[in-house]
C-alpha cells in the first residue's frame, strides 16, 4: 500500500489555501464596503437606520438596510484597524475551503484518490473564488451556504437529525447579515424536503437514488423547513425581507448595468477555462460515476447551476456546493508505481519510491503551511490600485471645497460617504432606482443619442449640481463641461478622474 497517496489530499488542500491567500492579497478590493462601514457607524451611534443616509438627493427617503448587521460587524472590525478586514476575509476563505475539502474527502485515507479532478476542478475554482473575494456580505453568505451543505448532507446521508436544528439559528444571522441571499436557506431545505417526499413514491432512477424516508425523517425536515422560513422573518423589516430578493431579481436595469449580475460569458477564454470547464467536469463526474448519487444532492447542485447561469455573482456558491456535494463522486485515476521484473527489485523500488514521495510531500506541506501563516498574518490594507478609491490629493480638494450637490461617479460614492461627503449616487442601487435617480444618472453620464444629449442638459439644470467628480470614461459629459469654461472650472485631473467646480452664480 502506498501510504503517501493517503496524504495527497492534504497537499491539494494546502495548495488551494496558498493560491487563495495569495490571490486575495493581490486583488483585494473594498468596493462597496465603505458604505457598509458608514451604515454600521450610524447604527452603533444612532440606532437602526431608516433613511438613505449620506445622499444629498434622497437622504430623506426610506431605505431598507437589509445588510445592516454586516455593516455593524465590519465597522467594529475597522475600528481595530483596516488590515483586520483583510485578515478577516482571509480567515473566512480558509474556513470555507476547509469545510468544503472535508466534505469532498480530501482528508480521507485513499490509496487511489481522484487527484486529477482535484487539480483540474478544485484548484481553478477556488482560485477564481479567492480572486472575487471582497469585503462584502455575500462572502459571509458563502460560509452559510457551506454550513447548510455540510448539515444537510450529513442529515440526508447519515440520518443525523439534531444538527439540522442549527439551520434556523444560522438563518437568523444570514437574513440580517445579507438579506438578499437568505432566501437560499429555505430553497435548500425545501428542495431536500420535496425530494424526501418524492422518495415515498419514486424508486431509484438509474444511478439517481431516492431514499425512502420514514415518518420521523419527514417530520424533522418539515419542522426545520417551517423554522427556517420563520427565521427569515426575524429582522428589522419583518416579512418585507421575504419578498425583497424577488423584487430585486425582476429589475432588468440592474441586470443590464451592474456587471456582477450579468450571466457568465462563455466567449471569454478565462471564463470558459476557469468557470465553465470545471462545472462541466463536475457534470461529467455525475455521468461517469458507478456510485449511486443521492437525488437531494443532485437537485441542490442543479439549483446553483441555474443561479450561476443567471448571474456570475453566484459562482462562489456554486463552487461550494459542487465541492461539498459532487466532488465525493469524483472520477479517479490509477496511481501506482511501476513493477519491476523481480520481487526483490520490486520491493526495493517501492521503498525508494515511498521515501522520495513521503519526503517531497512533507517538504511541500511545511512550505505551504509557512506560506499561509506568513501571508495571512502579514496582510496589510493598502488603497493603492484599489477600485472605487479617490486619490489623496483629490480627496484633500474635495474636503476643502465641501460640495453640497456634487454629481459623483457611482463607483466612488461609498468612499466619499465614508469621508462624510454627501453623494448623488453610491453602491446602494435599490433606493436610487426607486426614486428614478439611477436612470437620470445613466442619461447624464453616458447619453446614447443626440436626443439623450439634449435630455442630459435638462437634467443638469434639474439637479443644479455644484461640482462634478467624473471618470475619464464619461466622455460625453466631460466634452459638454469643457465646452462651457465660463460655467465650469477644471480643478483636478489625472489618468482616472476629473473634478469640476461650478463657478459662482452658475448653480
Protein backbone atom coordinates (compact mmCIF):
# COMPACT_ATOMS: atom_id res chain seq x y z
CA UNK A 1 0.00 0.00 0.00
CA UNK A 2 1.38 3.42 -0.97
CA UNK A 3 0.78 5.47 2.17
CA UNK A 4 1.87 8.77 0.67
CA UNK A 5 -1.24 8.77 -1.52
CA UNK A 6 -3.29 9.00 1.68
CA UNK A 7 -1.94 12.48 2.28
CA UNK A 8 -2.18 13.80 -1.26
CA UNK A 9 -5.49 15.46 -0.36
CA UNK A 10 -3.81 17.49 2.38
CA UNK A 11 -1.30 18.79 -0.16
CA UNK A 12 -4.10 19.82 -2.54
CA UNK A 13 -5.97 21.46 0.36
CA UNK A 14 -2.90 23.47 1.35
CA UNK A 15 -2.25 24.33 -2.28
CA UNK A 16 -5.79 25.73 -2.54
CA UNK A 17 -5.15 27.73 0.64
CA UNK A 18 -1.84 29.09 -0.68
CA UNK A 19 -3.25 30.12 -4.05
CA UNK A 20 -6.28 31.64 -2.32
CA UNK A 21 -4.49 33.80 0.24
CA UNK A 22 -2.05 34.93 -2.45
CA UNK A 23 -4.90 35.93 -4.80
CA UNK A 24 -6.78 37.74 -2.02
CA UNK A 25 -3.64 39.69 -1.12
CA UNK A 26 -3.03 40.60 -4.75
CA UNK A 27 -6.55 41.55 -5.82
CA UNK A 28 -8.36 42.55 -2.62
CA UNK A 29 -10.96 45.27 -3.13
CA UNK A 30 -13.13 47.21 -0.70
CA UNK A 31 -15.67 48.11 -3.42
CA UNK A 32 -18.92 48.96 -1.60
CA UNK A 33 -17.52 48.12 1.84
CA UNK A 34 -17.20 51.81 2.71
CA UNK A 35 -20.95 52.45 2.72
CA UNK A 36 -21.39 49.32 4.83
CA UNK A 37 -18.87 50.76 7.30
CA UNK A 38 -20.70 54.11 7.33
CA UNK A 39 -24.03 52.36 7.86
CA UNK A 40 -22.59 50.35 10.74
CA UNK A 41 -21.16 53.50 12.31
CA UNK A 42 -24.58 55.19 12.10
CA UNK A 43 -26.35 52.21 13.69
CA UNK A 44 -23.84 51.97 16.54
CA UNK A 45 -24.16 55.70 17.26
CA UNK A 46 -27.83 56.41 16.49
CA UNK A 47 -29.75 53.13 16.32
CA UNK A 48 -31.36 51.41 13.34
CA UNK A 49 -31.01 53.32 10.08
CA UNK A 50 -34.28 54.32 8.40
CA UNK A 51 -33.37 56.75 5.63
CA UNK A 52 -30.76 56.75 2.87
CA UNK A 53 -28.01 58.39 4.91
CA UNK A 54 -25.11 60.04 3.11
CA UNK A 55 -27.01 61.09 -0.03
CA UNK A 56 -27.94 64.71 -0.64
CA UNK A 57 -30.57 63.78 -3.24
CA UNK A 58 -32.54 61.07 -1.39
CA UNK A 59 -31.25 61.43 2.17
CA UNK A 60 -34.81 61.90 3.45
CA UNK A 61 -36.19 58.84 1.62
CA UNK A 62 -36.77 55.47 3.32
CA UNK A 63 -34.17 52.76 2.85
CA UNK A 64 -34.27 49.09 3.83
CA UNK A 65 -30.76 48.28 5.04
CA UNK A 66 -31.05 44.52 4.50
CA UNK A 67 -27.32 44.06 5.27
CA UNK A 68 -27.39 46.11 8.48
CA UNK A 69 -25.67 43.53 10.71
CA UNK A 70 -22.78 43.17 8.27
CA UNK A 71 -22.38 46.95 8.44
CA UNK A 72 -22.15 46.84 12.23
CA UNK A 73 -19.65 43.97 12.18
CA UNK A 74 -17.35 45.48 9.54
CA UNK A 75 -17.47 48.86 11.29
CA UNK A 76 -16.42 47.27 14.59
CA UNK A 77 -13.61 45.39 12.83
CA UNK A 78 -12.47 48.60 11.07
CA UNK A 79 -12.19 50.29 14.48
CA UNK A 80 -9.33 47.87 15.25
CA UNK A 81 -7.60 48.81 12.00
CA UNK A 82 -8.43 48.30 8.33
CA UNK A 83 -5.89 45.47 7.99
CA UNK A 84 -8.17 43.36 10.18
CA UNK A 85 -10.79 43.49 7.43
CA UNK A 86 -8.26 41.93 5.05
CA UNK A 87 -7.29 39.30 7.64
CA UNK A 88 -10.98 38.58 8.27
CA UNK A 89 -11.56 37.92 4.57
CA UNK A 90 -8.59 35.53 4.56
CA UNK A 91 -9.97 33.63 7.55
CA UNK A 92 -13.46 33.40 6.03
CA UNK A 93 -11.94 31.97 2.85
CA UNK A 94 -9.83 29.42 4.75
CA UNK A 95 -12.79 28.26 6.88
CA UNK A 96 -14.97 27.76 3.79
CA UNK A 97 -12.17 25.89 1.98
CA UNK A 98 -11.67 23.60 4.98
CA UNK A 99 -15.40 22.77 5.26
CA UNK A 100 -15.64 22.10 1.51
CA UNK A 101 -12.49 19.98 1.27
CA UNK A 102 -13.52 17.91 4.29
CA UNK A 103 -16.86 17.10 2.65
CA UNK A 104 -15.12 16.38 -0.67
CA UNK A 105 -12.99 13.70 1.01
CA UNK A 106 -9.56 15.32 0.72
CA UNK A 107 -8.69 14.34 4.29
CA UNK A 108 -9.85 10.75 3.91
CA UNK A 109 -7.27 7.97 3.53
CA UNK A 110 -7.43 6.79 -0.05
CA UNK A 111 -4.82 4.80 -1.96
CA UNK A 112 -6.45 5.82 -5.23
CA UNK A 113 -7.55 9.46 -4.76
CA UNK A 114 -9.30 11.46 -7.52
CA UNK A 115 -6.17 13.59 -7.92
CA UNK A 116 -6.92 14.66 -11.49
CA UNK A 117 -10.34 16.03 -10.52
CA UNK A 118 -8.88 17.85 -7.53
CA UNK A 119 -6.24 19.53 -9.68
CA UNK A 120 -8.42 20.31 -12.71
CA UNK A 121 -11.53 21.41 -10.81
CA UNK A 122 -10.87 22.41 -7.20
CA UNK A 123 -7.70 24.43 -7.80
CA UNK A 124 -9.07 26.70 -10.57
CA UNK A 125 -12.50 27.04 -8.94
CA UNK A 126 -11.14 28.19 -5.60
CA UNK A 127 -8.58 30.43 -7.32
CA UNK A 128 -11.48 32.26 -9.01
CA UNK A 129 -13.37 32.27 -5.71
CA UNK A 130 -10.41 33.94 -3.98
CA UNK A 131 -9.96 36.41 -6.83
CA UNK A 132 -13.60 37.50 -6.42
CA UNK A 133 -13.33 37.91 -2.64
CA UNK A 134 -14.04 41.44 -1.45
CA UNK A 135 -15.20 42.92 1.86
CA UNK A 136 -18.89 42.44 1.15
CA UNK A 137 -21.66 40.40 2.82
CA UNK A 138 -22.01 37.80 0.06
CA UNK A 139 -18.72 36.30 1.19
CA UNK A 140 -20.13 35.82 4.67
CA UNK A 141 -23.13 34.22 2.96
CA UNK A 142 -20.66 31.78 1.39
CA UNK A 143 -19.92 30.47 4.88
CA UNK A 144 -23.65 29.98 5.47
CA UNK A 145 -24.05 28.10 2.17
CA UNK A 146 -21.17 25.82 3.17
CA UNK A 147 -22.71 25.23 6.61
CA UNK A 148 -26.07 24.33 5.04
CA UNK A 149 -24.34 21.91 2.64
CA UNK A 150 -22.46 20.18 5.47
CA UNK A 151 -25.50 19.85 7.74
CA UNK A 152 -27.97 18.81 5.03
CA UNK A 153 -25.54 16.30 3.52
CA UNK A 154 -24.95 14.63 6.87
CA UNK A 155 -28.67 14.66 7.62
CA UNK A 156 -29.60 13.04 4.30
CA UNK A 157 -26.77 10.52 4.01
CA UNK A 158 -26.11 9.74 7.68
CA UNK A 159 -29.55 10.48 9.16
CA UNK A 160 -28.14 12.97 11.66
CA UNK A 161 -31.23 14.96 12.58
CA UNK A 162 -30.16 17.10 15.55
CA UNK A 163 -27.64 19.32 13.68
CA UNK A 164 -30.48 20.35 11.31
CA UNK A 165 -31.96 22.41 14.12
CA UNK A 166 -28.93 24.69 13.87
CA UNK A 167 -30.16 25.80 10.43
CA UNK A 168 -32.85 28.22 11.73
CA UNK A 169 -30.25 29.84 14.02
CA UNK A 170 -27.84 30.22 11.10
CA UNK A 171 -30.72 31.65 9.04
CA UNK A 172 -31.37 34.42 11.60
CA UNK A 173 -27.75 35.52 11.21
CA UNK A 174 -27.94 35.13 7.44
CA UNK A 175 -31.06 37.25 6.92
CA UNK A 176 -29.62 40.12 8.98
CA UNK A 177 -26.11 39.96 7.51
CA UNK A 178 -27.19 39.52 3.89
CA UNK A 179 -30.95 39.52 3.47
CA UNK A 180 -30.67 39.49 -0.31
CA UNK A 181 -29.49 35.86 -0.40
CA UNK A 182 -31.10 34.48 2.77
CA UNK A 183 -33.88 33.04 0.60
CA UNK A 184 -31.37 30.33 -0.33
CA UNK A 185 -31.85 28.94 3.18
CA UNK A 186 -35.42 27.81 2.61
CA UNK A 187 -34.69 26.93 -1.02
CA UNK A 188 -32.09 24.38 0.12
CA UNK A 189 -34.16 22.90 2.94
CA UNK A 190 -37.29 22.98 0.76
CA UNK A 191 -35.59 21.04 -2.04
CA UNK A 192 -34.41 18.35 0.38
CA UNK A 193 -37.93 18.15 1.81
CA UNK A 194 -39.56 17.79 -1.62
CA UNK A 195 -37.07 15.14 -2.74
CA UNK A 196 -37.71 13.28 0.52
CA UNK A 197 -41.46 13.29 -0.13
CA UNK A 198 -40.82 12.17 -3.71
CA UNK A 199 -38.87 9.23 -2.28
CA UNK A 200 -42.14 7.83 -0.92
CA UNK A 201 -43.41 7.34 -4.47
CA UNK A 202 -40.27 7.10 -6.62
CA UNK A 203 -37.67 4.37 -6.60
CA UNK A 204 -34.16 4.79 -7.95
CA UNK A 205 -33.91 6.27 -11.45
CA UNK A 206 -30.76 4.73 -12.91
CA UNK A 207 -27.92 5.81 -10.63
CA UNK A 208 -30.03 8.56 -9.00
CA UNK A 209 -31.02 7.36 -5.55
CA UNK A 210 -34.28 8.38 -3.87
CA UNK A 211 -34.05 7.23 -0.25
CA UNK A 212 -37.42 6.05 1.01
CA UNK A 213 -37.99 8.21 4.10
CA UNK A 214 -39.68 7.17 7.31
CA UNK A 215 -42.20 9.28 9.16
CA UNK A 216 -39.60 10.52 11.62
CA UNK A 217 -37.42 11.97 8.84
CA UNK A 218 -40.37 13.64 7.10
CA UNK A 219 -41.42 15.18 10.42
CA UNK A 220 -37.94 16.54 11.16
CA UNK A 221 -37.33 18.03 7.72
CA UNK A 222 -40.80 19.64 7.64
CA UNK A 223 -40.31 21.23 11.08
CA UNK A 224 -36.87 22.52 10.09
CA UNK A 225 -38.29 23.97 6.85
CA UNK A 226 -41.02 25.85 8.75
CA UNK A 227 -38.49 27.12 11.30
CA UNK A 228 -36.12 28.30 8.55
CA UNK A 229 -38.91 30.22 6.80
CA UNK A 230 -39.94 31.73 10.15
CA UNK A 231 -36.31 32.63 10.89
CA UNK A 232 -36.29 34.77 7.74
CA UNK A 233 -38.88 36.99 9.44
CA UNK A 234 -36.62 37.77 12.41
CA UNK A 235 -35.14 41.03 11.15
CA UNK A 236 -35.95 44.76 11.45
CA UNK A 237 -38.15 44.66 8.33
CA UNK A 238 -40.18 41.52 9.01
CA UNK A 239 -41.99 39.94 6.06
CA UNK A 240 -40.68 42.58 3.64
CA UNK A 241 -37.36 40.73 3.69
CA UNK A 242 -39.08 37.66 2.22
CA UNK A 243 -40.23 39.48 -0.92
CA UNK A 244 -37.24 41.81 -1.31
CA UNK A 245 -35.00 39.34 -3.24
CA UNK A 246 -37.76 38.57 -5.74
CA UNK A 247 -38.42 42.24 -6.42
CA UNK A 248 -34.69 42.71 -6.91
CA UNK A 249 -34.35 39.86 -9.41
CA UNK A 250 -37.08 41.35 -11.60
CA UNK A 251 -35.10 44.57 -12.08
CA UNK A 252 -33.94 44.47 -15.71
CA UNK A 253 -31.92 47.69 -15.35
CA UNK A 254 -29.83 46.22 -12.54
CA UNK A 255 -29.18 43.06 -14.54
CA UNK A 256 -28.16 45.14 -17.57
CA UNK A 257 -25.92 47.78 -15.97
CA UNK A 258 -24.31 46.12 -12.93
CA UNK A 259 -21.64 43.78 -14.26
CA UNK A 260 -21.64 41.34 -11.32
CA UNK A 261 -25.28 40.46 -12.07
CA UNK A 262 -24.50 39.53 -15.68
CA UNK A 263 -24.59 35.94 -16.91
CA UNK A 264 -21.22 34.21 -17.45
CA UNK A 265 -19.73 34.97 -20.87
CA UNK A 266 -18.54 31.71 -22.44
CA UNK A 267 -16.87 33.70 -25.24
CA UNK A 268 -14.32 34.92 -22.71
CA UNK A 269 -11.41 32.45 -22.64
CA UNK A 270 -10.75 32.83 -18.89
CA UNK A 271 -14.42 32.37 -18.07
CA UNK A 272 -14.53 29.29 -20.26
CA UNK A 273 -11.40 27.70 -18.77
CA UNK A 274 -11.74 28.70 -15.11
CA UNK A 275 -15.52 28.68 -14.64
CA UNK A 276 -17.37 26.73 -17.34
CA UNK A 277 -14.89 23.85 -17.81
CA UNK A 278 -14.70 22.93 -14.08
CA UNK A 279 -18.50 22.99 -13.98
CA UNK A 280 -18.67 20.65 -16.99
CA UNK A 281 -16.17 18.32 -15.29
CA UNK A 282 -18.47 18.28 -12.29
CA UNK A 283 -21.36 17.23 -14.52
CA UNK A 284 -19.09 14.64 -16.18
CA UNK A 285 -18.39 13.26 -12.71
CA UNK A 286 -22.10 12.59 -12.26
CA UNK A 287 -22.30 10.86 -15.64
CA UNK A 288 -19.24 8.61 -15.24
CA UNK A 289 -19.51 7.53 -11.61
CA UNK A 290 -20.54 3.98 -10.76
CA UNK A 291 -21.82 5.10 -7.37
CA UNK A 292 -25.43 5.85 -6.54
CA UNK A 293 -25.96 9.62 -6.46
CA UNK A 294 -28.38 10.98 -3.88
CA UNK A 295 -31.23 12.86 -5.56
CA UNK A 296 -31.22 15.67 -2.96
CA UNK A 297 -27.51 16.37 -3.52
CA UNK A 298 -28.04 16.39 -7.28
CA UNK A 299 -31.04 18.74 -7.03
CA UNK A 300 -29.09 21.23 -4.88
CA UNK A 301 -26.23 21.15 -7.38
CA UNK A 302 -28.53 21.94 -10.29
CA UNK A 303 -30.22 24.73 -8.28
CA UNK A 304 -26.88 26.52 -8.07
CA UNK A 305 -26.07 25.82 -11.72
CA UNK A 306 -29.28 27.65 -12.67
CA UNK A 307 -28.43 30.56 -10.35
CA UNK A 308 -24.89 30.76 -11.78
CA UNK A 309 -26.15 30.76 -15.38
CA UNK A 310 -28.46 33.60 -14.42
CA UNK A 311 -25.72 35.62 -12.71
CA UNK A 312 -21.96 35.17 -12.33
CA UNK A 313 -22.40 36.55 -8.82
CA UNK A 314 -23.46 33.04 -7.70
CA UNK A 315 -20.21 31.39 -8.85
CA UNK A 316 -18.74 31.28 -5.34
CA UNK A 317 -21.81 29.46 -4.03
CA UNK A 318 -21.70 27.01 -6.95
CA UNK A 319 -18.05 26.23 -6.16
CA UNK A 320 -19.00 25.44 -2.56
CA UNK A 321 -21.98 23.26 -3.49
CA UNK A 322 -20.08 21.39 -6.22
CA UNK A 323 -17.17 20.70 -3.86
CA UNK A 324 -19.32 19.59 -0.91
CA UNK A 325 -21.92 17.55 -2.78
CA UNK A 326 -20.42 16.42 -6.13
CA UNK A 327 -16.66 16.12 -5.53
CA UNK A 328 -17.17 13.00 -3.34
CA UNK A 329 -18.20 11.21 -6.57
CA UNK A 330 -15.12 12.48 -8.46
CA UNK A 331 -13.53 10.33 -11.15
CA UNK A 332 -10.32 8.61 -10.12
CA UNK A 333 -7.02 7.86 -11.79
CA UNK A 334 -4.84 4.86 -11.02
CA UNK A 335 -1.79 5.91 -9.03
CA UNK A 336 0.75 3.15 -8.57
CA UNK A 337 4.49 2.90 -9.13
CA UNK A 338 5.69 0.61 -11.87
CA UNK A 339 6.55 -3.00 -11.05
CA UNK A 340 9.99 -4.47 -11.60
CA UNK A 341 10.70 -7.88 -13.04
CA UNK A 342 11.79 -9.49 -9.78
CA UNK A 343 10.17 -9.38 -6.35
CA UNK A 344 13.39 -8.16 -4.74
CA UNK A 345 13.75 -5.28 -7.17
CA UNK A 346 10.05 -4.50 -6.82
CA UNK A 347 10.29 -4.18 -3.03
CA UNK A 348 13.45 -2.08 -3.27
CA UNK A 349 11.90 0.18 -5.92
CA UNK A 350 8.75 0.60 -3.85
CA UNK A 351 10.70 1.51 -0.70
CA UNK A 352 12.77 4.08 -2.59
CA UNK A 353 9.64 5.43 -4.29
CA UNK A 354 7.82 5.79 -0.95
CA UNK A 355 10.75 7.55 0.74
CA UNK A 356 11.07 10.06 -2.09
CA UNK A 357 7.35 10.81 -2.20
CA UNK A 358 6.96 11.00 1.58
CA UNK A 359 9.89 13.40 1.74
CA UNK A 360 8.52 15.54 -1.09
CA UNK A 361 5.02 15.67 0.41
CA UNK A 362 6.38 16.58 3.84
CA UNK A 363 8.58 19.31 2.38
CA UNK A 364 5.78 20.75 0.25
CA UNK A 365 3.36 20.65 3.19
CA UNK A 366 5.74 22.50 5.52
CA UNK A 367 6.41 25.17 2.90
CA UNK A 368 2.69 25.63 2.23
CA UNK A 369 1.77 25.93 5.91
CA UNK A 370 4.52 28.51 6.47
CA UNK A 371 3.39 30.45 3.38
CA UNK A 372 -0.25 30.60 4.55
CA UNK A 373 0.70 31.68 8.08
CA UNK A 374 3.11 34.39 6.88
CA UNK A 375 0.73 35.68 4.19
CA UNK A 376 -2.34 35.91 6.45
CA UNK A 377 -0.53 37.32 9.50
CA UNK A 378 1.37 39.81 7.34
CA UNK A 379 -1.69 41.08 5.45
CA UNK A 380 -1.82 44.84 5.08
CA UNK A 381 -4.52 47.23 3.97
CA UNK A 382 -3.39 49.31 1.02
CA UNK A 383 -5.57 51.59 -1.10
CA UNK A 384 -3.04 51.63 -3.92
CA UNK A 385 -4.61 50.44 -7.19
CA UNK A 386 -7.94 49.74 -5.46
CA UNK A 387 -11.04 50.49 -7.49
CA UNK A 388 -13.53 52.93 -6.03
CA UNK A 389 -10.82 54.90 -4.21
CA UNK A 390 -10.26 58.63 -4.68
CA UNK A 391 -6.58 59.75 -4.73
CA UNK A 392 -5.43 61.59 -1.60
CA UNK A 393 -4.71 64.82 -3.49
CA UNK A 394 -8.21 64.90 -4.94
CA UNK A 395 -9.70 63.94 -1.57
CA UNK A 396 -7.98 66.94 0.02
CA UNK A 397 -9.52 69.25 -2.59
CA UNK A 398 -12.99 67.77 -2.01
CA UNK A 399 -12.71 68.13 1.77
CA UNK A 400 -11.70 71.77 1.33
CA UNK A 401 -14.46 72.55 -1.19
CA UNK A 402 -17.17 70.61 0.70
CA UNK A 403 -19.58 70.43 -2.28
CA UNK A 404 -23.22 70.05 -1.22
CA UNK A 405 -24.79 68.93 -4.53
CA UNK A 406 -21.99 67.09 -6.32
CA UNK A 407 -22.53 64.69 -9.21
CA UNK A 408 -20.15 61.84 -8.43
CA UNK A 409 -19.23 58.68 -10.29
CA UNK A 410 -21.16 55.66 -8.98
CA UNK A 411 -18.04 53.66 -8.10
CA UNK A 412 -16.62 56.21 -5.64
CA UNK A 413 -19.86 57.08 -3.87
CA UNK A 414 -19.19 54.72 -0.96
CA UNK A 415 -15.66 56.05 -0.41
CA UNK A 416 -16.92 59.64 -0.42
CA UNK A 417 -19.64 58.72 2.10
CA UNK A 418 -17.02 57.27 4.41
CA UNK A 419 -15.31 60.68 4.30
CA UNK A 420 -18.57 62.50 5.16
CA UNK A 421 -19.10 63.93 1.68
CA UNK A 422 -22.72 63.90 0.53
CA UNK A 423 -23.18 61.92 -2.70
CA UNK A 424 -25.56 61.80 -5.63
CA UNK A 425 -25.27 58.01 -6.04
CA UNK A 426 -23.38 55.12 -4.46
CA UNK A 427 -23.44 51.32 -4.36
CA UNK A 428 -26.87 51.18 -2.69
CA UNK A 429 -28.62 50.66 -6.00
CA UNK A 430 -32.19 49.99 -4.80
CA UNK A 431 -33.16 53.32 -3.13
CA UNK A 432 -31.76 55.32 -6.05
CA UNK A 433 -33.63 53.15 -8.53
CA UNK A 434 -36.89 53.59 -6.60
CA UNK A 435 -36.58 57.39 -6.79
CA UNK A 436 -35.65 57.41 -10.51
CA UNK A 437 -32.15 58.70 -9.80
CA UNK A 438 -30.28 55.80 -11.43
CA UNK A 439 -31.91 56.29 -14.83
CA UNK A 440 -31.16 60.01 -14.71
CA UNK A 441 -27.57 59.24 -13.70
CA UNK A 442 -27.13 56.96 -16.72
CA UNK A 443 -28.64 59.54 -19.07
CA UNK A 444 -26.30 62.23 -17.73
CA UNK A 445 -23.10 60.21 -17.71
CA UNK A 446 -23.39 58.33 -20.98
CA UNK A 447 -26.17 59.58 -23.26
CA UNK A 448 -26.56 57.17 -26.17
CA UNK A 449 -28.09 59.55 -28.72
CA UNK A 450 -28.47 63.21 -29.66
CA UNK A 451 -31.92 63.21 -28.08
CA UNK A 452 -30.49 61.96 -24.81
CA UNK A 453 -27.70 64.52 -25.04
CA UNK A 454 -30.34 67.25 -25.01
CA UNK A 455 -32.01 65.45 -22.10
CA UNK A 456 -28.63 65.45 -20.33
CA UNK A 457 -28.57 69.25 -20.38
CA UNK A 458 -32.09 69.35 -18.98
CA UNK A 459 -31.08 67.02 -16.17
CA UNK A 460 -28.08 69.19 -15.27
CA UNK A 461 -30.48 72.11 -14.87
CA UNK A 462 -32.93 69.92 -12.93
CA UNK A 463 -30.43 68.84 -10.27
CA UNK A 464 -28.42 72.08 -10.08
CA UNK A 465 -25.10 70.38 -9.34
CA UNK A 466 -22.38 72.47 -7.71
CA UNK A 467 -19.49 70.11 -8.60
CA UNK A 468 -18.70 67.10 -10.82
CA UNK A 469 -16.45 64.16 -10.00
CA UNK A 470 -16.13 62.13 -13.20
CA UNK A 471 -14.28 59.14 -14.54
CA UNK A 472 -12.24 59.67 -17.70
CA UNK A 473 -14.70 57.25 -19.36
CA UNK A 474 -17.57 59.76 -19.02
CA UNK A 475 -16.60 61.35 -22.33
CA UNK A 476 -19.93 62.99 -23.37
CA UNK A 477 -20.33 64.90 -20.10
CA UNK A 478 -16.64 65.85 -20.00
CA UNK A 479 -16.92 67.25 -23.53
CA UNK A 480 -20.01 69.22 -22.53
CA UNK A 481 -18.34 70.73 -19.45
CA UNK A 482 -15.18 71.59 -21.41
CA UNK A 483 -17.30 73.48 -23.96
CA UNK A 484 -18.52 75.80 -21.21
CA UNK A 485 -15.39 77.10 -19.42
CA UNK A 486 -17.38 80.15 -18.38
CA UNK A 487 -19.54 77.90 -16.16
CA UNK A 488 -17.28 75.01 -15.14
CA UNK A 489 -13.73 75.12 -13.80
CA UNK A 490 -11.48 72.04 -14.00
CA UNK A 491 -9.83 71.80 -10.56
CA UNK A 492 -8.18 68.38 -10.80
CA UNK A 493 -7.25 65.83 -13.45
CA UNK A 494 -5.28 62.57 -13.55
CA UNK A 495 -5.40 59.39 -15.64
CA UNK A 496 -8.61 58.24 -13.92
CA UNK A 497 -10.52 61.22 -12.53
CA UNK A 498 -11.58 64.78 -13.32
CA UNK A 499 -13.08 67.21 -10.82
CA UNK A 500 -15.01 70.30 -11.93
CA UNK A 501 -16.32 73.16 -9.84
CA UNK A 502 -19.36 75.15 -10.88
CA UNK A 503 -18.42 78.82 -10.92
CA UNK A 504 -20.18 81.17 -8.55
CA UNK A 505 -23.60 82.26 -9.75
CA UNK A 506 -23.93 79.35 -12.23
CA UNK A 507 -25.54 76.73 -9.93
